[in-house]
């Protein structure tokens, strides 16, 4: 790897001109970094193969890779041998930290969804699925057997997660996801320009730490889109708490899967849908 390669940070400086009723002011501001991350899967007897390209905020890239691979049922959590940045000689130095290879213990059938050179934006979480019916068959971990947070605890969760959103404090341009226990204690908080990436990062954190993916609660900063409910169900999480609204399909999946779903969550209110 080139010694000149520099790992991209979660935010970058920029000059802006701010216009207000009092006039205009030029000053330095910060933007959330958005760069591509290519994920490759390497198995015994087979070369590394591209499985996904997503736009993400750099940081916790290995967690993102592990969380994505497990949430997409490409590999069981115990099947990951190594996660590392790619060191191909032909990579441009600027891209050396934008390619991650997941090495697995056994040969795996990536399948039709990921055999092509799939790509997604920072807003995409279920692109490439063959059908909604296929997406509904997502559970790869047992359902959560324990208690979930009470509504009183649920209403406090977004504020507790907000305390860990350092990149949002600097840029105002990223989503957040967190895992919490039934008492509302934050277990891990991650940020990303893509809400689904933030979820993959918190799940990947558990995977790489050798801990069960299933927890009492997943908290997300935006709406409860279908792809987020899908990831929660796949990981055996007991409840999902969102600051925004759910969609019809996310409520359907939560109801069918036994996931407790809260939306419009704030200090004074939360709405339970499933």
Protein backbone atom coordinates (compact mmCIF):
# COMPACT_ATOMS: atom_id res chain seq x y z
CA UNK A 1 0.00 0.00 0.00
CA UNK A 2 1.30 3.45 -0.82
CA UNK A 3 2.69 5.39 2.11
CA UNK A 4 1.02 8.48 0.63
CA UNK A 5 -2.48 7.05 1.01
CA UNK A 6 -4.55 8.96 3.53
CA UNK A 7 -7.59 7.52 5.24
CA UNK A 8 -10.62 9.76 4.56
CA UNK A 9 -12.25 11.30 7.61
CA UNK A 10 -15.97 11.59 8.43
CA UNK A 11 -16.08 15.29 7.58
CA UNK A 12 -14.27 17.79 5.35
CA UNK A 13 -13.74 21.55 5.53
CA UNK A 14 -15.29 23.94 3.04
CA UNK A 15 -15.77 27.69 2.63
CA UNK A 16 -19.34 28.97 2.55
CA UNK A 17 -21.13 32.28 2.29
CA UNK A 18 -24.05 32.54 4.69
CA UNK A 19 -26.90 34.90 3.72
CA UNK A 20 -29.19 36.26 6.43
CA UNK A 21 -31.37 39.33 7.04
CA UNK A 22 -28.31 40.93 8.65
CA UNK A 23 -26.23 40.49 5.51
CA UNK A 24 -23.73 37.92 4.32
CA UNK A 25 -20.82 36.28 6.09
CA UNK A 26 -18.07 34.06 4.64
CA UNK A 27 -16.67 31.44 6.96
CA UNK A 28 -15.44 27.86 7.20
CA UNK A 29 -17.96 25.05 7.57
CA UNK A 30 -17.85 21.26 7.59
CA UNK A 31 -19.54 18.76 5.29
CA UNK A 32 -20.27 15.12 6.00
CA UNK A 33 -17.93 13.04 3.85
CA UNK A 34 -19.62 10.85 1.25
CA UNK A 35 -17.38 8.42 -0.62
CA UNK A 36 -17.88 5.03 -2.29
CA UNK A 37 -17.05 1.82 -0.48
CA UNK A 38 -16.61 -1.32 -2.55
CA UNK A 39 -17.16 -4.57 -0.66
CA UNK A 40 -15.53 -7.80 -1.87
CA UNK A 41 -16.00 -11.35 -0.65
CA UNK A 42 -13.12 -13.84 -0.73
CA UNK A 43 -13.66 -17.55 -0.10
CA UNK A 44 -11.33 -20.58 -0.18
CA UNK A 45 -10.52 -21.55 -3.74
CA UNK A 46 -12.09 -18.44 -5.24
CA UNK A 47 -10.79 -14.93 -5.94
CA UNK A 48 -12.31 -11.95 -4.17
CA UNK A 49 -15.56 -10.93 -5.85
CA UNK A 50 -17.33 -7.59 -5.71
CA UNK A 51 -20.63 -7.89 -3.86
CA UNK A 52 -21.68 -4.29 -3.33
CA UNK A 53 -20.73 -0.66 -3.80
CA UNK A 54 -22.38 1.86 -1.52
CA UNK A 55 -21.93 5.53 -0.76
CA UNK A 56 -20.95 5.94 2.88
CA UNK A 57 -19.33 8.17 5.46
CA UNK A 58 -15.80 6.83 6.10
CA UNK A 59 -15.29 5.38 9.54
CA UNK A 60 -16.03 1.94 11.01
CA UNK A 61 -15.74 0.52 7.48
CA UNK A 62 -15.03 -3.01 8.70
CA UNK A 63 -18.18 -2.94 10.83
CA UNK A 64 -20.17 -1.77 7.82
CA UNK A 65 -18.78 -4.60 5.70
CA UNK A 66 -19.43 -7.27 8.31
CA UNK A 67 -22.90 -5.97 9.11
CA UNK A 68 -23.89 -5.84 5.46
CA UNK A 69 -22.63 -9.36 4.71
CA UNK A 70 -24.41 -10.86 7.70
CA UNK A 71 -27.65 -8.88 7.28
CA UNK A 72 -27.80 -9.95 3.64
CA UNK A 73 -27.27 -13.61 4.67
CA UNK A 74 -24.13 -13.85 2.56
CA UNK A 75 -22.20 -15.37 5.46
CA UNK A 76 -22.99 -16.40 9.05
CA UNK A 77 -21.41 -14.23 11.77
CA UNK A 78 -19.07 -17.05 12.75
CA UNK A 79 -17.94 -17.52 9.14
CA UNK A 80 -15.98 -14.27 8.85
CA UNK A 81 -12.24 -14.91 9.08
CA UNK A 82 -10.87 -11.47 8.26
CA UNK A 83 -11.98 -8.01 7.19
CA UNK A 84 -9.32 -5.74 5.70
CA UNK A 85 -8.70 -2.94 3.23
CA UNK A 86 -7.75 -4.20 -0.21
CA UNK A 87 -4.08 -3.90 -1.17
CA UNK A 88 -4.32 -4.50 -4.93
CA UNK A 89 -1.33 -2.92 -6.64
CA UNK A 90 -3.50 -1.37 -9.35
CA UNK A 91 -5.68 0.59 -6.92
CA UNK A 92 -5.34 4.36 -7.09
CA UNK A 93 -3.89 5.64 -3.77
CA UNK A 94 -7.00 7.74 -3.23
CA UNK A 95 -9.11 4.57 -3.31
CA UNK A 96 -7.02 2.32 -1.08
CA UNK A 97 -9.30 2.95 1.88
CA UNK A 98 -12.47 2.64 -0.22
CA UNK A 99 -12.22 -1.10 -0.93
CA UNK A 100 -12.79 -3.68 1.82
CA UNK A 101 -12.43 -7.44 1.43
CA UNK A 102 -14.30 -9.87 3.67
CA UNK A 103 -12.59 -13.26 3.86
CA UNK A 104 -14.84 -16.17 4.85
CA UNK A 105 -13.98 -19.64 6.14
CA UNK A 106 -16.02 -21.64 3.64
CA UNK A 107 -17.08 -21.32 0.04
CA UNK A 108 -20.30 -19.35 -0.29
CA UNK A 109 -22.88 -18.96 -3.03
CA UNK A 110 -23.29 -15.24 -3.42
CA UNK A 111 -26.39 -15.84 -5.48
CA UNK A 112 -28.17 -13.94 -8.20
CA UNK A 113 -28.71 -10.76 -6.18
CA UNK A 114 -25.02 -10.08 -5.74
CA UNK A 115 -23.43 -11.86 -8.70
CA UNK A 116 -23.65 -8.67 -10.74
CA UNK A 117 -21.68 -5.53 -10.01
CA UNK A 118 -24.33 -4.12 -7.72
CA UNK A 119 -24.26 -0.51 -6.65
CA UNK A 120 -26.37 1.64 -4.40
CA UNK A 121 -26.67 5.20 -3.19
CA UNK A 122 -26.43 6.29 0.43
CA UNK A 123 -30.24 6.09 0.56
CA UNK A 124 -30.51 2.55 -0.80
CA UNK A 125 -30.93 -0.54 1.32
CA UNK A 126 -32.80 -3.18 -0.65
CA UNK A 127 -31.72 -2.56 -4.24
CA UNK A 128 -31.12 -5.69 -6.30
CA UNK A 129 -33.75 -7.81 -4.56
CA UNK A 130 -35.59 -10.05 -6.99
CA UNK A 131 -38.98 -9.46 -5.38
CA UNK A 132 -40.64 -8.14 -2.27
CA UNK A 133 -41.58 -11.72 -1.42
CA UNK A 134 -37.91 -12.66 -1.36
CA UNK A 135 -37.16 -9.75 0.94
CA UNK A 136 -39.84 -10.84 3.39
CA UNK A 137 -37.93 -14.06 3.99
CA UNK A 138 -35.13 -12.33 5.85
CA UNK A 139 -34.73 -13.73 9.32
CA UNK A 140 -31.29 -15.26 9.86
CA UNK A 141 -31.24 -14.99 13.67
CA UNK A 142 -33.76 -16.24 16.25
CA UNK A 143 -36.47 -13.78 17.38
CA UNK A 144 -35.56 -11.69 20.43
CA UNK A 145 -36.64 -13.70 23.50
CA UNK A 146 -36.28 -10.96 26.12
CA UNK A 147 -38.05 -7.81 27.20
CA UNK A 148 -38.15 -4.60 25.15
CA UNK A 149 -38.07 -1.01 26.40
CA UNK A 150 -41.27 0.39 27.88
CA UNK A 151 -42.86 3.42 26.17
CA UNK A 152 -41.40 5.68 28.86
CA UNK A 153 -37.91 4.40 28.06
CA UNK A 154 -38.58 4.52 24.31
CA UNK A 155 -39.37 8.25 24.39
CA UNK A 156 -35.94 8.97 25.88
CA UNK A 157 -33.94 6.88 23.40
CA UNK A 158 -33.47 9.42 20.55
CA UNK A 159 -32.04 11.98 23.01
CA UNK A 160 -29.67 9.39 24.44
CA UNK A 161 -28.53 8.43 20.95
CA UNK A 162 -28.11 12.12 20.08
CA UNK A 163 -25.39 12.41 22.73
CA UNK A 164 -23.23 10.10 20.59
CA UNK A 165 -23.71 11.92 17.27
CA UNK A 166 -20.43 13.82 17.04
CA UNK A 167 -20.36 13.94 13.23
CA UNK A 168 -23.89 15.36 13.14
CA UNK A 169 -22.80 18.04 15.60
CA UNK A 170 -20.11 19.14 13.13
CA UNK A 171 -22.00 18.76 9.87
CA UNK A 172 -25.74 18.27 10.39
CA UNK A 173 -25.56 15.85 7.45
CA UNK A 174 -25.60 12.27 8.73
CA UNK A 175 -28.03 9.71 10.07
CA UNK A 176 -27.47 7.68 13.22
CA UNK A 177 -28.33 4.23 14.49
CA UNK A 178 -27.88 2.74 17.94
CA UNK A 179 -28.43 -0.50 19.79
CA UNK A 180 -29.90 -0.29 23.28
CA UNK A 181 -30.86 -2.69 26.02
CA UNK A 182 -34.32 -2.91 27.58
CA UNK A 183 -33.42 -0.26 30.17
CA UNK A 184 -32.40 2.22 27.47
CA UNK A 185 -28.65 1.94 27.95
CA UNK A 186 -26.81 2.71 24.71
CA UNK A 187 -24.63 -0.23 23.63
CA UNK A 188 -23.21 1.31 20.44
CA UNK A 189 -23.91 4.41 18.30
CA UNK A 190 -22.77 4.86 14.71
CA UNK A 191 -23.29 7.58 12.07
CA UNK A 192 -23.37 7.60 8.27
CA UNK A 193 -24.85 9.52 5.35
CA UNK A 194 -26.82 6.35 4.62
CA UNK A 195 -29.34 5.30 7.28
CA UNK A 196 -28.98 1.65 6.26
CA UNK A 197 -25.18 1.95 6.49
CA UNK A 198 -25.47 3.23 10.06
CA UNK A 199 -27.58 0.18 10.91
CA UNK A 200 -25.08 -2.17 9.26
CA UNK A 201 -22.31 -0.53 11.29
CA UNK A 202 -23.97 -1.15 14.66
CA UNK A 203 -24.77 -4.75 13.70
CA UNK A 204 -21.24 -5.20 12.36
CA UNK A 205 -19.86 -3.93 15.65
CA UNK A 206 -21.59 -6.81 17.42
CA UNK A 207 -20.47 -9.33 14.81
CA UNK A 208 -16.79 -8.36 14.95
CA UNK A 209 -16.88 -8.29 18.75
CA UNK A 210 -18.20 -11.85 18.78
CA UNK A 211 -21.43 -10.76 20.47
CA UNK A 212 -25.00 -11.80 19.56
CA UNK A 213 -26.66 -9.52 17.03
CA UNK A 214 -29.99 -9.73 18.83
CA UNK A 215 -30.65 -6.90 21.29
CA UNK A 216 -33.73 -5.35 22.83
CA UNK A 217 -33.83 -2.29 20.58
CA UNK A 218 -32.52 -0.62 17.42
CA UNK A 219 -32.87 3.17 17.38
CA UNK A 220 -32.72 5.17 14.11
CA UNK A 221 -32.64 8.91 13.53
CA UNK A 222 -34.93 9.06 10.51
CA UNK A 223 -37.98 7.26 9.25
CA UNK A 224 -38.62 3.56 9.77
CA UNK A 225 -38.17 2.45 6.18
CA UNK A 226 -38.67 -1.13 5.11
CA UNK A 227 -34.95 -1.79 4.70
CA UNK A 228 -34.29 -0.87 8.33
CA UNK A 229 -37.03 -3.15 9.61
CA UNK A 230 -35.60 -5.87 7.36
CA UNK A 231 -32.17 -5.56 8.97
CA UNK A 232 -33.64 -5.53 12.49
CA UNK A 233 -35.66 -8.68 11.80
CA UNK A 234 -32.70 -10.41 10.14
CA UNK A 235 -30.60 -9.79 13.25
CA UNK A 236 -33.21 -10.91 15.77
CA UNK A 237 -33.71 -7.48 17.35
CA UNK A 238 -36.76 -7.06 19.57
CA UNK A 239 -37.91 -3.55 18.69
CA UNK A 240 -37.18 -0.64 16.36
CA UNK A 241 -37.56 2.97 17.49
CA UNK A 242 -37.58 5.70 14.85
CA UNK A 243 -37.74 9.47 15.10
CA UNK A 244 -39.80 9.64 11.90
CA UNK A 245 -42.70 7.78 10.37
CA UNK A 246 -42.87 4.15 9.25
CA UNK A 247 -44.09 3.04 5.83
CA UNK A 248 -46.89 0.61 5.09
CA UNK A 249 -44.49 -2.15 4.11
CA UNK A 250 -42.30 -1.65 7.19
CA UNK A 251 -45.37 -2.01 9.44
CA UNK A 252 -46.40 -5.12 7.53
CA UNK A 253 -43.00 -6.74 7.93
CA UNK A 254 -42.77 -5.78 11.61
CA UNK A 255 -46.23 -7.18 12.31
CA UNK A 256 -45.59 -10.42 10.42
CA UNK A 257 -42.20 -10.87 12.10
CA UNK A 258 -43.11 -10.01 15.67
CA UNK A 259 -40.92 -6.89 15.77
CA UNK A 260 -42.26 -4.09 17.99
CA UNK A 261 -42.19 -0.88 15.96
CA UNK A 262 -42.33 2.69 17.29
CA UNK A 263 -42.44 5.87 15.20
CA UNK A 264 -42.64 9.64 15.76
CA UNK A 265 -40.56 9.18 18.88
CA UNK A 266 -39.69 12.17 21.04
CA UNK A 267 -39.65 13.20 24.68
CA UNK A 268 -43.42 13.64 24.84
CA UNK A 269 -44.70 11.04 22.40
CA UNK A 270 -44.17 7.76 20.59
CA UNK A 271 -46.56 5.81 18.37
CA UNK A 272 -46.58 2.00 18.43
CA UNK A 273 -47.49 0.32 15.15
CA UNK A 274 -46.68 -3.34 15.78
